[in-house]
């Protein structure tokens, strides 16, 4: 995708990382948890594929393995739609990402961009 085709605030990379998620209610109590995978990720959020729909009322706590490090990030469900093979795709917007997690995420995005450039040569 060229820069002119990119309409998002943050550049998204295609990513297929497995992750653990926990859904928290308004009292910060766990109401659901499961495994999912990222379909793409940016500094601002993630497209998450799960077996069950995620509730927009819940805060989502994500534990994502990026390279050799584990990153814990909280977010809110912006939208939820039917995906492929009966799975659900949810757009998660990150909330209050800490500096360490942001640094790991930025390194991952940068490495992915470099890999894409090498593949085009």
PDB file of N, CA and C in Angstrom:
ATOM      1  N   UNK A   1       0.849  -1.176   0.000  1.00  0.00           N
ATOM      2  CA  UNK A   1       0.000   0.000   0.000  1.00  0.00           C
ATOM      3  C   UNK A   1       0.892   1.236   0.000  1.00  0.00           C
ATOM      4  N   UNK A   2       0.619   2.144  -0.876  1.00  0.00           N
ATOM      5  CA  UNK A   2       1.422   3.359  -0.948  1.00  0.00           C
ATOM      6  C   UNK A   2       0.949   4.359   0.100  1.00  0.00           C
ATOM      7  N   UNK A   3       1.757   5.365   0.332  1.00  0.00           N
ATOM      8  CA  UNK A   3       1.386   6.372   1.327  1.00  0.00           C
ATOM      9  C   UNK A   3       0.097   7.081   0.948  1.00  0.00           C
ATOM     10  N   UNK A   4      -0.156   7.260  -0.344  1.00  0.00           N
ATOM     11  CA  UNK A   4      -1.367   7.955  -0.755  1.00  0.00           C
ATOM     12  C   UNK A   4      -2.600   7.092  -0.511  1.00  0.00           C
ATOM     13  N   UNK A   5      -2.442   5.764  -0.472  1.00  0.00           N
ATOM     14  CA  UNK A   5      -3.571   4.886  -0.220  1.00  0.00           C
ATOM     15  C   UNK A   5      -3.876   4.772   1.270  1.00  0.00           C
ATOM     16  N   UNK A   6      -2.926   5.079   2.130  1.00  0.00           N
ATOM     17  CA  UNK A   6      -3.071   4.945   3.566  1.00  0.00           C
ATOM     18  C   UNK A   6      -3.881   6.123   4.097  1.00  0.00           C
ATOM     19  N   UNK A   7      -5.075   5.854   4.647  1.00  0.00           N
ATOM     20  CA  UNK A   7      -5.945   6.910   5.134  1.00  0.00           C
ATOM     21  C   UNK A   7      -6.020   6.929   6.651  1.00  0.00           C
ATOM     22  N   UNK A   8      -5.342   6.041   7.316  1.00  0.00           N
ATOM     23  CA  UNK A   8      -5.367   5.970   8.768  1.00  0.00           C
ATOM     24  C   UNK A   8      -4.374   6.949   9.373  1.00  0.00           C
ATOM     25  N   UNK A   9      -4.637   7.321  10.621  1.00  0.00           N
ATOM     26  CA  UNK A   9      -3.733   8.206  11.349  1.00  0.00           C
ATOM     27  C   UNK A   9      -2.382   7.545  11.543  1.00  0.00           C
ATOM     28  N   UNK A  10      -2.378   6.234  11.847  1.00  0.00           N
ATOM     29  CA  UNK A  10      -1.150   5.495  12.067  1.00  0.00           C
ATOM     30  C   UNK A  10      -0.991   4.431  10.988  1.00  0.00           C
ATOM     31  N   UNK A  11       0.212   4.245  10.519  1.00  0.00           N
ATOM     32  CA  UNK A  11       0.527   3.203   9.552  1.00  0.00           C
ATOM     33  C   UNK A  11       0.251   1.844  10.179  1.00  0.00           C
ATOM     34  N   UNK A  12      -0.467   0.976   9.492  1.00  0.00           N
ATOM     35  CA  UNK A  12      -0.768  -0.363  10.009  1.00  0.00           C
ATOM     36  C   UNK A  12       0.095  -1.392   9.301  1.00  0.00           C
ATOM     37  N   UNK A  13       0.524  -2.366  10.077  1.00  0.00           N
ATOM     38  CA  UNK A  13       1.296  -3.444   9.499  1.00  0.00           C
ATOM     39  C   UNK A  13       0.484  -4.724   9.586  1.00  0.00           C
ATOM     40  N   UNK A  14       0.626  -5.592   8.618  1.00  0.00           N
ATOM     41  CA  UNK A  14      -0.007  -6.898   8.671  1.00  0.00           C
ATOM     42  C   UNK A  14       0.720  -7.727   9.704  1.00  0.00           C
ATOM     43  N   UNK A  15      -0.017  -8.321  10.616  1.00  0.00           N
ATOM     44  CA  UNK A  15       0.611  -9.058  11.698  1.00  0.00           C
ATOM     45  C   UNK A  15      -0.246 -10.246  12.067  1.00  0.00           C
ATOM     46  N   UNK A  16       0.378 -11.373  12.335  1.00  0.00           N
ATOM     47  CA  UNK A  16      -0.352 -12.575  12.708  1.00  0.00           C
ATOM     48  C   UNK A  16       0.202 -13.138  14.010  1.00  0.00           C
ATOM     49  N   UNK A  17       0.148 -12.362  15.063  1.00  0.00           N
ATOM     50  CA  UNK A  17       0.651 -12.785  16.360  1.00  0.00           C
ATOM     51  C   UNK A  17      -0.497 -13.250  17.244  1.00  0.00           C
ATOM     52  N   UNK A  18      -0.296 -14.395  17.897  1.00  0.00           N
ATOM     53  CA  UNK A  18      -1.275 -14.865  18.865  1.00  0.00           C
ATOM     54  C   UNK A  18      -1.157 -14.029  20.121  1.00  0.00           C
ATOM     55  N   UNK A  19      -2.281 -13.852  20.803  1.00  0.00           N
ATOM     56  CA  UNK A  19      -2.264 -13.082  22.034  1.00  0.00           C
ATOM     57  C   UNK A  19      -3.355 -13.570  22.967  1.00  0.00           C
ATOM     58  N   UNK A  20      -3.216 -13.203  24.217  1.00  0.00           N
ATOM     59  CA  UNK A  20      -4.214 -13.471  25.236  1.00  0.00           C
ATOM     60  C   UNK A  20      -4.961 -12.161  25.497  1.00  0.00           C
ATOM     61  N   UNK A  21      -6.273 -12.248  25.665  1.00  0.00           N
ATOM     62  CA  UNK A  21      -7.031 -11.047  26.015  1.00  0.00           C
ATOM     63  C   UNK A  21      -7.913 -11.335  27.221  1.00  0.00           C
ATOM     64  N   UNK A  22      -8.159 -10.286  27.983  1.00  0.00           N
ATOM     65  CA  UNK A  22      -9.050 -10.354  29.131  1.00  0.00           C
ATOM     66  C   UNK A  22     -10.021  -9.185  29.013  1.00  0.00           C
ATOM     67  N   UNK A  23     -11.315  -9.468  29.136  1.00  0.00           N
ATOM     68  CA  UNK A  23     -12.339  -8.422  29.104  1.00  0.00           C
ATOM     69  C   UNK A  23     -12.643  -8.006  30.537  1.00  0.00           C
ATOM     70  N   UNK A  24     -12.591  -6.692  30.783  1.00  0.00           N
ATOM     71  CA  UNK A  24     -12.824  -6.140  32.108  1.00  0.00           C
ATOM     72  C   UNK A  24     -14.071  -5.265  32.089  1.00  0.00           C
ATOM     73  N   UNK A  25     -14.922  -5.400  33.125  1.00  0.00           N
ATOM     74  CA  UNK A  25     -16.124  -4.566  33.193  1.00  0.00           C
ATOM     75  C   UNK A  25     -15.809  -3.205  33.807  1.00  0.00           C
ATOM     76  N   UNK A  26     -16.859  -2.417  34.062  1.00  0.00           N
ATOM     77  CA  UNK A  26     -16.667  -1.057  34.580  1.00  0.00           C
ATOM     78  C   UNK A  26     -16.041  -1.028  35.973  1.00  0.00           C
ATOM     79  N   UNK A  27     -16.068  -2.163  36.687  1.00  0.00           N
ATOM     80  CA  UNK A  27     -15.443  -2.272  38.006  1.00  0.00           C
ATOM     81  C   UNK A  27     -14.050  -2.891  37.929  1.00  0.00           C
ATOM     82  N   UNK A  28     -13.527  -3.013  36.713  1.00  0.00           N
ATOM     83  CA  UNK A  28     -12.217  -3.607  36.466  1.00  0.00           C
ATOM     84  C   UNK A  28     -12.166  -5.086  36.862  1.00  0.00           C
ATOM     85  N   UNK A  29     -13.338  -5.738  36.822  1.00  0.00           N
ATOM     86  CA  UNK A  29     -13.446  -7.162  37.133  1.00  0.00           C
ATOM     87  C   UNK A  29     -13.413  -7.966  35.833  1.00  0.00           C
ATOM     88  N   UNK A  30     -12.720  -9.095  35.856  1.00  0.00           N
ATOM     89  CA  UNK A  30     -12.634  -9.959  34.674  1.00  0.00           C
ATOM     90  C   UNK A  30     -13.986 -10.613  34.408  1.00  0.00           C
ATOM     91  N   UNK A  31     -14.482 -10.485  33.165  1.00  0.00           N
ATOM     92  CA  UNK A  31     -15.747 -11.100  32.788  1.00  0.00           C
ATOM     93  C   UNK A  31     -15.572 -12.159  31.705  1.00  0.00           C
ATOM     94  N   UNK A  32     -14.445 -12.134  31.011  1.00  0.00           N
ATOM     95  CA  UNK A  32     -14.205 -13.084  29.931  1.00  0.00           C
ATOM     96  C   UNK A  32     -12.722 -13.041  29.588  1.00  0.00           C
ATOM     97  N   UNK A  33     -12.224 -14.147  29.050  1.00  0.00           N
ATOM     98  CA  UNK A  33     -10.855 -14.154  28.553  1.00  0.00           C
ATOM     99  C   UNK A  33     -10.759 -15.176  27.439  1.00  0.00           C
ATOM    100  N   UNK A  34      -9.720 -15.056  26.649  1.00  0.00           N
ATOM    101  CA  UNK A  34      -9.539 -15.994  25.555  1.00  0.00           C
ATOM    102  C   UNK A  34      -8.265 -15.716  24.789  1.00  0.00           C
ATOM    103  N   UNK A  35      -8.122 -16.452  23.697  1.00  0.00           N
ATOM    104  CA  UNK A  35      -6.987 -16.279  22.796  1.00  0.00           C
ATOM    105  C   UNK A  35      -7.501 -15.682  21.498  1.00  0.00           C
ATOM    106  N   UNK A  36      -6.655 -14.887  20.876  1.00  0.00           N
ATOM    107  CA  UNK A  36      -6.977 -14.304  19.582  1.00  0.00           C
ATOM    108  C   UNK A  36      -5.692 -14.106  18.810  1.00  0.00           C
ATOM    109  N   UNK A  37      -5.816 -13.480  17.669  1.00  0.00           N
ATOM    110  CA  UNK A  37      -4.614 -13.144  16.908  1.00  0.00           C
ATOM    111  C   UNK A  37      -4.790 -11.772  16.292  1.00  0.00           C
ATOM    112  N   UNK A  38      -3.666 -11.091  16.170  1.00  0.00           N
ATOM    113  CA  UNK A  38      -3.701  -9.773  15.550  1.00  0.00           C
ATOM    114  C   UNK A  38      -3.695  -9.948  14.037  1.00  0.00           C
ATOM    115  N   UNK A  39      -4.546  -9.188  13.378  1.00  0.00           N
ATOM    116  CA  UNK A  39      -4.566  -9.166  11.917  1.00  0.00           C
ATOM    117  C   UNK A  39      -3.754  -7.995  11.391  1.00  0.00           C
ATOM    118  N   UNK A  40      -3.736  -6.908  12.150  1.00  0.00           N
ATOM    119  CA  UNK A  40      -2.828  -5.792  11.883  1.00  0.00           C
ATOM    120  C   UNK A  40      -2.702  -4.972  13.146  1.00  0.00           C
ATOM    121  N   UNK A  41      -1.685  -4.147  13.184  1.00  0.00           N
ATOM    122  CA  UNK A  41      -1.399  -3.391  14.401  1.00  0.00           C
ATOM    123  C   UNK A  41      -0.755  -2.063  14.034  1.00  0.00           C
ATOM    124  N   UNK A  42      -1.031  -1.043  14.835  1.00  0.00           N
ATOM    125  CA  UNK A  42      -0.417   0.267  14.652  1.00  0.00           C
ATOM    126  C   UNK A  42      -0.129   0.845  16.029  1.00  0.00           C
ATOM    127  N   UNK A  43       0.418   2.032  16.069  1.00  0.00           N
ATOM    128  CA  UNK A  43       0.654   2.696  17.357  1.00  0.00           C
ATOM    129  C   UNK A  43      -0.653   2.987  18.072  1.00  0.00           C
ATOM    130  N   UNK A  44      -1.715   3.150  17.324  1.00  0.00           N
ATOM    131  CA  UNK A  44      -2.992   3.535  17.922  1.00  0.00           C
ATOM    132  C   UNK A  44      -3.946   2.411  18.233  1.00  0.00           C
ATOM    133  N   UNK A  45      -3.712   1.225  17.657  1.00  0.00           N
ATOM    134  CA  UNK A  45      -4.662   0.150  17.898  1.00  0.00           C
ATOM    135  C   UNK A  45      -4.318  -1.135  17.186  1.00  0.00           C
ATOM    136  N   UNK A  46      -5.272  -2.053  17.238  1.00  0.00           N
ATOM    137  CA  UNK A  46      -5.053  -3.395  16.716  1.00  0.00           C
ATOM    138  C   UNK A  46      -6.362  -3.930  16.144  1.00  0.00           C
ATOM    139  N   UNK A  47      -6.261  -4.724  15.099  1.00  0.00           N
ATOM    140  CA  UNK A  47      -7.411  -5.471  14.594  1.00  0.00           C
ATOM    141  C   UNK A  47      -7.236  -6.884  15.119  1.00  0.00           C
ATOM    142  N   UNK A  48      -8.162  -7.306  15.965  1.00  0.00           N
ATOM    143  CA  UNK A  48      -8.067  -8.564  16.693  1.00  0.00           C
ATOM    144  C   UNK A  48      -9.102  -9.557  16.188  1.00  0.00           C
ATOM    145  N   UNK A  49      -8.666 -10.773  15.879  1.00  0.00           N
ATOM    146  CA  UNK A  49      -9.565 -11.845  15.462  1.00  0.00           C
ATOM    147  C   UNK A  49      -9.773 -12.783  16.652  1.00  0.00           C
ATOM    148  N   UNK A  50     -11.047 -13.016  17.000  1.00  0.00           N
ATOM    149  CA  UNK A  50     -11.392 -13.903  18.111  1.00  0.00           C
ATOM    150  C   UNK A  50     -12.497 -14.861  17.691  1.00  0.00           C
ATOM    151  N   UNK A  51     -12.739 -15.857  18.535  1.00  0.00           N
ATOM    152  CA  UNK A  51     -13.808 -16.817  18.268  1.00  0.00           C
ATOM    153  C   UNK A  51     -15.173 -16.300  18.720  1.00  0.00           C
ATOM    154  N   UNK A  52     -15.166 -15.301  19.612  1.00  0.00           N
ATOM    155  CA  UNK A  52     -16.411 -14.737  20.128  1.00  0.00           C
ATOM    156  C   UNK A  52     -16.386 -13.218  19.975  1.00  0.00           C
ATOM    157  N   UNK A  53     -17.553 -12.592  19.812  1.00  0.00           N
ATOM    158  CA  UNK A  53     -17.590 -11.125  19.740  1.00  0.00           C
ATOM    159  C   UNK A  53     -17.154 -10.508  21.070  1.00  0.00           C
ATOM    160  N   UNK A  54     -16.522  -9.354  20.996  1.00  0.00           N
ATOM    161  CA  UNK A  54     -16.123  -8.615  22.193  1.00  0.00           C
ATOM    162  C   UNK A  54     -17.131  -7.505  22.436  1.00  0.00           C
ATOM    163  N   UNK A  55     -17.473  -7.284  23.696  1.00  0.00           N
ATOM    164  CA  UNK A  55     -18.465  -6.291  24.089  1.00  0.00           C
ATOM    165  C   UNK A  55     -17.836  -4.899  24.106  1.00  0.00           C
ATOM    166  N   UNK A  56     -18.480  -3.941  23.464  1.00  0.00           N
ATOM    167  CA  UNK A  56     -17.966  -2.566  23.409  1.00  0.00           C
ATOM    168  C   UNK A  56     -17.925  -1.892  24.783  1.00  0.00           C
ATOM    169  N   UNK A  57     -18.665  -2.417  25.747  1.00  0.00           N
ATOM    170  CA  UNK A  57     -18.685  -1.827  27.091  1.00  0.00           C
ATOM    171  C   UNK A  57     -17.442  -2.203  27.896  1.00  0.00           C
ATOM    172  N   UNK A  58     -16.725  -3.220  27.469  1.00  0.00           N
ATOM    173  CA  UNK A  58     -15.600  -3.724  28.248  1.00  0.00           C
ATOM    174  C   UNK A  58     -14.273  -3.111  27.826  1.00  0.00           C
ATOM    175  N   UNK A  59     -13.374  -2.970  28.780  1.00  0.00           N
ATOM    176  CA  UNK A  59     -11.984  -2.639  28.499  1.00  0.00           C
ATOM    177  C   UNK A  59     -11.299  -3.962  28.187  1.00  0.00           C
ATOM    178  N   UNK A  60     -10.461  -3.963  27.167  1.00  0.00           N
ATOM    179  CA  UNK A  60      -9.763  -5.176  26.759  1.00  0.00           C
ATOM    180  C   UNK A  60      -8.301  -5.048  27.175  1.00  0.00           C
ATOM    181  N   UNK A  61      -7.839  -6.012  27.946  1.00  0.00           N
ATOM    182  CA  UNK A  61      -6.438  -6.078  28.333  1.00  0.00           C
ATOM    183  C   UNK A  61      -5.769  -7.115  27.444  1.00  0.00           C
ATOM    184  N   UNK A  62      -4.769  -6.681  26.685  1.00  0.00           N
ATOM    185  CA  UNK A  62      -4.093  -7.552  25.725  1.00  0.00           C
ATOM    186  C   UNK A  62      -2.676  -7.851  26.183  1.00  0.00           C
ATOM    187  N   UNK A  63      -2.267  -9.104  26.087  1.00  0.00           N
ATOM    188  CA  UNK A  63      -0.874  -9.496  26.305  1.00  0.00           C
ATOM    189  C   UNK A  63      -0.355  -9.982  24.961  1.00  0.00           C
ATOM    190  N   UNK A  64       0.500  -9.181  24.339  1.00  0.00           N
ATOM    191  CA  UNK A  64       0.957  -9.445  22.979  1.00  0.00           C
ATOM    192  C   UNK A  64       2.444  -9.751  22.985  1.00  0.00           C
ATOM    193  N   UNK A  65       2.824 -10.848  22.349  1.00  0.00           N
ATOM    194  CA  UNK A  65       4.236 -11.173  22.195  1.00  0.00           C
ATOM    195  C   UNK A  65       4.763 -10.551  20.919  1.00  0.00           C
ATOM    196  N   UNK A  66       5.648  -9.571  21.061  1.00  0.00           N
ATOM    197  CA  UNK A  66       6.282  -8.928  19.921  1.00  0.00           C
ATOM    198  C   UNK A  66       7.776  -9.191  20.008  1.00  0.00           C
ATOM    199  N   UNK A  67       8.304  -9.874  19.010  1.00  0.00           N
ATOM    200  CA  UNK A  67       9.706 -10.274  19.007  1.00  0.00           C
ATOM    201  C   UNK A  67       9.980 -11.090  20.272  1.00  0.00           C
ATOM    202  N   UNK A  68      10.932 -10.691  21.077  1.00  0.00           N
ATOM    203  CA  UNK A  68      11.290 -11.436  22.281  1.00  0.00           C
ATOM    204  C   UNK A  68      10.628 -10.892  23.544  1.00  0.00           C
ATOM    205  N   UNK A  69       9.775  -9.880  23.397  1.00  0.00           N
ATOM    206  CA  UNK A  69       9.206  -9.221  24.566  1.00  0.00           C
ATOM    207  C   UNK A  69       7.688  -9.369  24.606  1.00  0.00           C
ATOM    208  N   UNK A  70       7.157  -9.390  25.814  1.00  0.00           N
ATOM    209  CA  UNK A  70       5.718  -9.436  26.024  1.00  0.00           C
ATOM    210  C   UNK A  70       5.234  -8.046  26.412  1.00  0.00           C
ATOM    211  N   UNK A  71       4.208  -7.563  25.726  1.00  0.00           N
ATOM    212  CA  UNK A  71       3.683  -6.222  25.944  1.00  0.00           C
ATOM    213  C   UNK A  71       2.243  -6.340  26.449  1.00  0.00           C
ATOM    214  N   UNK A  72       1.942  -5.662  27.556  1.00  0.00           N
ATOM    215  CA  UNK A  72       0.575  -5.607  28.079  1.00  0.00           C
ATOM    216  C   UNK A  72      -0.009  -4.239  27.771  1.00  0.00           C
ATOM    217  N   UNK A  73      -1.149  -4.234  27.069  1.00  0.00           N
ATOM    218  CA  UNK A  73      -1.768  -2.992  26.624  1.00  0.00           C
ATOM    219  C   UNK A  73      -3.277  -3.075  26.859  1.00  0.00           C
ATOM    220  N   UNK A  74      -3.889  -1.972  27.289  1.00  0.00           N
ATOM    221  CA  UNK A  74      -5.341  -1.887  27.448  1.00  0.00           C
ATOM    222  C   UNK A  74      -5.934  -1.102  26.279  1.00  0.00           C
ATOM    223  N   UNK A  75      -7.177  -1.447  25.937  1.00  0.00           N
ATOM    224  CA  UNK A  75      -7.850  -0.746  24.863  1.00  0.00           C
ATOM    225  C   UNK A  75      -9.356  -0.866  24.967  1.00  0.00           C
ATOM    226  N   UNK A  76     -10.036  -0.139  24.092  1.00  0.00           N
ATOM    227  CA  UNK A  76     -11.492  -0.213  24.011  1.00  0.00           C
ATOM    228  C   UNK A  76     -11.888  -0.717  22.636  1.00  0.00           C
ATOM    229  N   UNK A  77     -13.018  -1.412  22.588  1.00  0.00           N
ATOM    230  CA  UNK A  77     -13.539  -1.942  21.329  1.00  0.00           C
ATOM    231  C   UNK A  77     -14.227  -0.796  20.593  1.00  0.00           C
ATOM    232  N   UNK A  78     -13.726  -0.491  19.403  1.00  0.00           N
ATOM    233  CA  UNK A  78     -14.305   0.576  18.585  1.00  0.00           C
ATOM    234  C   UNK A  78     -15.400   0.014  17.676  1.00  0.00           C
ATOM    235  N   UNK A  79     -15.148  -1.176  17.126  1.00  0.00           N
ATOM    236  CA  UNK A  79     -16.156  -1.849  16.303  1.00  0.00           C
ATOM    237  C   UNK A  79     -15.921  -3.349  16.359  1.00  0.00           C
ATOM    238  N   UNK A  80     -16.953  -4.080  15.995  1.00  0.00           N
ATOM    239  CA  UNK A  80     -16.901  -5.530  15.951  1.00  0.00           C
ATOM    240  C   UNK A  80     -17.669  -5.959  14.702  1.00  0.00           C
ATOM    241  N   UNK A  81     -17.079  -6.866  13.911  1.00  0.00           N
ATOM    242  CA  UNK A  81     -17.744  -7.322  12.689  1.00  0.00           C
ATOM    243  C   UNK A  81     -17.473  -8.802  12.483  1.00  0.00           C
ATOM    244  N   UNK A  82     -18.326  -9.424  11.675  1.00  0.00           N
ATOM    245  CA  UNK A  82     -18.139 -10.829  11.355  1.00  0.00           C
ATOM    246  C   UNK A  82     -16.914 -10.975  10.456  1.00  0.00           C
ATOM    247  N   UNK A  83     -16.072 -11.912  10.789  1.00  0.00           N
ATOM    248  CA  UNK A  83     -14.871 -12.172  10.006  1.00  0.00           C
ATOM    249  C   UNK A  83     -15.011 -13.440   9.192  1.00  0.00           C
ATOM    250  N   UNK A  84     -13.888 -14.024   8.865  1.00  0.00           N
ATOM    251  CA  UNK A  84     -13.856 -15.243   8.068  1.00  0.00           C
ATOM    252  C   UNK A  84     -14.095 -16.468   8.941  1.00  0.00           C
ATOM    253  N   UNK A  85     -14.737 -17.473   8.363  1.00  0.00           N
ATOM    254  CA  UNK A  85     -14.934 -18.781   9.002  1.00  0.00           C
ATOM    255  C   UNK A  85     -15.584 -18.678  10.377  1.00  0.00           C
ATOM    256  N   UNK A  86     -16.569 -17.798  10.503  1.00  0.00           N
ATOM    257  CA  UNK A  86     -17.313 -17.685  11.748  1.00  0.00           C
ATOM    258  C   UNK A  86     -16.596 -16.974  12.879  1.00  0.00           C
ATOM    259  N   UNK A  87     -15.459 -16.384  12.607  1.00  0.00           N
ATOM    260  CA  UNK A  87     -14.721 -15.654  13.643  1.00  0.00           C
ATOM    261  C   UNK A  87     -15.148 -14.193  13.628  1.00  0.00           C
ATOM    262  N   UNK A  88     -14.739 -13.471  14.655  1.00  0.00           N
ATOM    263  CA  UNK A  88     -15.091 -12.067  14.809  1.00  0.00           C
ATOM    264  C   UNK A  88     -13.845 -11.214  14.717  1.00  0.00           C
ATOM    265  N   UNK A  89     -13.950 -10.071  14.060  1.00  0.00           N
ATOM    266  CA  UNK A  89     -12.859  -9.096  13.977  1.00  0.00           C
ATOM    267  C   UNK A  89     -13.267  -7.859  14.752  1.00  0.00           C
ATOM    268  N   UNK A  90     -12.412  -7.449  15.682  1.00  0.00           N
ATOM    269  CA  UNK A  90     -12.697  -6.279  16.515  1.00  0.00           C
ATOM    270  C   UNK A  90     -11.581  -5.261  16.389  1.00  0.00           C
ATOM    271  N   UNK A  91     -11.960  -4.023  16.149  1.00  0.00           N
ATOM    272  CA  UNK A  91     -11.003  -2.924  16.139  1.00  0.00           C
ATOM    273  C   UNK A  91     -10.835  -2.424  17.561  1.00  0.00           C
ATOM    274  N   UNK A  92      -9.616  -2.511  18.076  1.00  0.00           N
ATOM    275  CA  UNK A  92      -9.316  -2.099  19.445  1.00  0.00           C
ATOM    276  C   UNK A  92      -8.441  -0.855  19.402  1.00  0.00           C
ATOM    277  N   UNK A  93      -8.866   0.194  20.086  1.00  0.00           N
ATOM    278  CA  UNK A  93      -8.062   1.407  20.197  1.00  0.00           C
ATOM    279  C   UNK A  93      -7.320   1.376  21.527  1.00  0.00           C
ATOM    280  N   UNK A  94      -6.000   1.528  21.480  1.00  0.00           N
ATOM    281  CA  UNK A  94      -5.197   1.490  22.690  1.00  0.00           C
ATOM    282  C   UNK A  94      -5.520   2.675  23.592  1.00  0.00           C
ATOM    283  N   UNK A  95      -5.426   2.446  24.902  1.00  0.00           N
ATOM    284  CA  UNK A  95      -5.628   3.486  25.910  1.00  0.00           C
ATOM    285  C   UNK A  95      -4.372   3.588  26.757  1.00  0.00           C
ATOM    286  N   UNK A  96      -3.907   4.767  26.981  1.00  0.00           N
ATOM    287  CA  UNK A  96      -2.828   5.013  27.945  1.00  0.00           C
ATOM    288  C   UNK A  96      -1.690   3.999  27.853  1.00  0.00           C
ATOM    289  N   UNK A  97      -1.157   3.804  26.663  1.00  0.00           N
ATOM    290  CA  UNK A  97      -0.056   2.866  26.484  1.00  0.00           C
ATOM    291  C   UNK A  97       1.193   3.416  27.176  1.00  0.00           C
ATOM    292  N   UNK A  98       1.838   2.571  27.973  1.00  0.00           N
ATOM    293  CA  UNK A  98       3.012   3.038  28.707  1.00  0.00           C
ATOM    294  C   UNK A  98       4.216   3.145  27.773  1.00  0.00           C
ATOM    295  N   UNK A  99       5.210   3.888  28.214  1.00  0.00           N
ATOM    296  CA  UNK A  99       6.375   4.205  27.379  1.00  0.00           C
ATOM    297  C   UNK A  99       7.133   2.953  26.938  1.00  0.00           C
ATOM    298  N   UNK A 100       7.318   1.993  27.831  1.00  0.00           N
ATOM    299  CA  UNK A 100       8.054   0.766  27.486  1.00  0.00           C
ATOM    300  C   UNK A 100       7.321  -0.017  26.401  1.00  0.00           C
ATOM    301  N   UNK A 101       6.006  -0.189  26.566  1.00  0.00           N
ATOM    302  CA  UNK A 101       5.215  -0.910  25.569  1.00  0.00           C
ATOM    303  C   UNK A 101       5.226  -0.183  24.234  1.00  0.00           C
ATOM    304  N   UNK A 102       5.154   1.141  24.267  1.00  0.00           N
ATOM    305  CA  UNK A 102       5.185   1.930  23.042  1.00  0.00           C
ATOM    306  C   UNK A 102       6.525   1.778  22.324  1.00  0.00           C
ATOM    307  N   UNK A 103       7.609   1.743  23.069  1.00  0.00           N
ATOM    308  CA  UNK A 103       8.932   1.562  22.458  1.00  0.00           C
ATOM    309  C   UNK A 103       9.035   0.202  21.761  1.00  0.00           C
ATOM    310  N   UNK A 104       8.556  -0.850  22.408  1.00  0.00           N
ATOM    311  CA  UNK A 104       8.577  -2.186  21.804  1.00  0.00           C
ATOM    312  C   UNK A 104       7.717  -2.194  20.548  1.00  0.00           C
ATOM    313  N   UNK A 105       6.539  -1.608  20.633  1.00  0.00           N
ATOM    314  CA  UNK A 105       5.634  -1.552  19.489  1.00  0.00           C
ATOM    315  C   UNK A 105       6.265  -0.782  18.337  1.00  0.00           C
ATOM    316  N   UNK A 106       6.902   0.340  18.616  1.00  0.00           N
ATOM    317  CA  UNK A 106       7.553   1.127  17.568  1.00  0.00           C
ATOM    318  C   UNK A 106       8.693   0.365  16.905  1.00  0.00           C
ATOM    319  N   UNK A 107       9.469  -0.373  17.694  1.00  0.00           N
ATOM    320  CA  UNK A 107      10.553  -1.184  17.122  1.00  0.00           C
ATOM    321  C   UNK A 107       9.995  -2.259  16.200  1.00  0.00           C
ATOM    322  N   UNK A 108       8.905  -2.855  16.598  1.00  0.00           N
ATOM    323  CA  UNK A 108       8.278  -3.888  15.789  1.00  0.00           C
ATOM    324  C   UNK A 108       7.778  -3.317  14.463  1.00  0.00           C
ATOM    325  N   UNK A 109       7.099  -2.181  14.519  1.00  0.00           N
ATOM    326  CA  UNK A 109       6.584  -1.546  13.306  1.00  0.00           C
ATOM    327  C   UNK A 109       7.738  -1.173  12.383  1.00  0.00           C
ATOM    328  N   UNK A 110       8.812  -0.614  12.943  1.00  0.00           N
ATOM    329  CA  UNK A 110       9.974  -0.233  12.135  1.00  0.00           C
ATOM    330  C   UNK A 110      10.614  -1.454  11.472  1.00  0.00           C
ATOM    331  N   UNK A 111      10.775  -2.534  12.216  1.00  0.00           N
ATOM    332  CA  UNK A 111      11.370  -3.756  11.663  1.00  0.00           C
ATOM    333  C   UNK A 111      10.499  -4.326  10.547  1.00  0.00           C
ATOM    334  N   UNK A 112       9.200  -4.274  10.729  1.00  0.00           N
ATOM    335  CA  UNK A 112       8.302  -4.780   9.708  1.00  0.00           C
ATOM    336  C   UNK A 112       8.401  -3.954   8.425  1.00  0.00           C
ATOM    337  N   UNK A 113       8.462  -2.631   8.572  1.00  0.00           N
ATOM    338  CA  UNK A 113       8.599  -1.761   7.389  1.00  0.00           C
ATOM    339  C   UNK A 113       9.888  -2.069   6.635  1.00  0.00           C
ATOM    340  N   UNK A 114      10.974  -2.276   7.381  1.00  0.00           N
ATOM    341  CA  UNK A 114      12.256  -2.610   6.744  1.00  0.00           C
ATOM    342  C   UNK A 114      12.151  -3.938   5.991  1.00  0.00           C
ATOM    343  N   UNK A 115      11.473  -4.899   6.589  1.00  0.00           N
ATOM    344  CA  UNK A 115      11.296  -6.196   5.948  1.00  0.00           C
ATOM    345  C   UNK A 115      10.497  -6.032   4.648  1.00  0.00           C
ATOM    346  N   UNK A 116       9.474  -5.209   4.670  1.00  0.00           N
ATOM    347  CA  UNK A 116       8.683  -4.967   3.464  1.00  0.00           C
ATOM    348  C   UNK A 116       9.534  -4.332   2.366  1.00  0.00           C
ATOM    349  N   UNK A 117      10.397  -3.376   2.726  1.00  0.00           N
ATOM    350  CA  UNK A 117      11.260  -2.730   1.740  1.00  0.00           C
ATOM    351  C   UNK A 117      12.192  -3.748   1.095  1.00  0.00           C
ATOM    352  N   UNK A 118      12.743  -4.640   1.913  1.00  0.00           N
ATOM    353  CA  UNK A 118      13.667  -5.655   1.389  1.00  0.00           C
ATOM    354  C   UNK A 118      12.958  -6.611   0.430  1.00  0.00           C
ATOM    355  N   UNK A 119      11.701  -6.951   0.731  1.00  0.00           N
ATOM    356  CA  UNK A 119      10.940  -7.858  -0.116  1.00  0.00           C
ATOM    357  C   UNK A 119      10.602  -7.232  -1.463  1.00  0.00           C
ATOM    358  N   UNK A 120      10.493  -5.913  -1.516  1.00  0.00           N
ATOM    359  CA  UNK A 120      10.167  -5.221  -2.771  1.00  0.00           C
ATOM    360  C   UNK A 120      11.356  -5.092  -3.696  1.00  0.00           C
ATOM    361  N   UNK A 121      12.571  -5.241  -3.175  1.00  0.00           N
ATOM    362  CA  UNK A 121      13.777  -5.077  -3.992  1.00  0.00           C
ATOM    363  C   UNK A 121      13.992  -6.277  -4.880  1.00  0.00           C
TER     364      UNK A 121
END
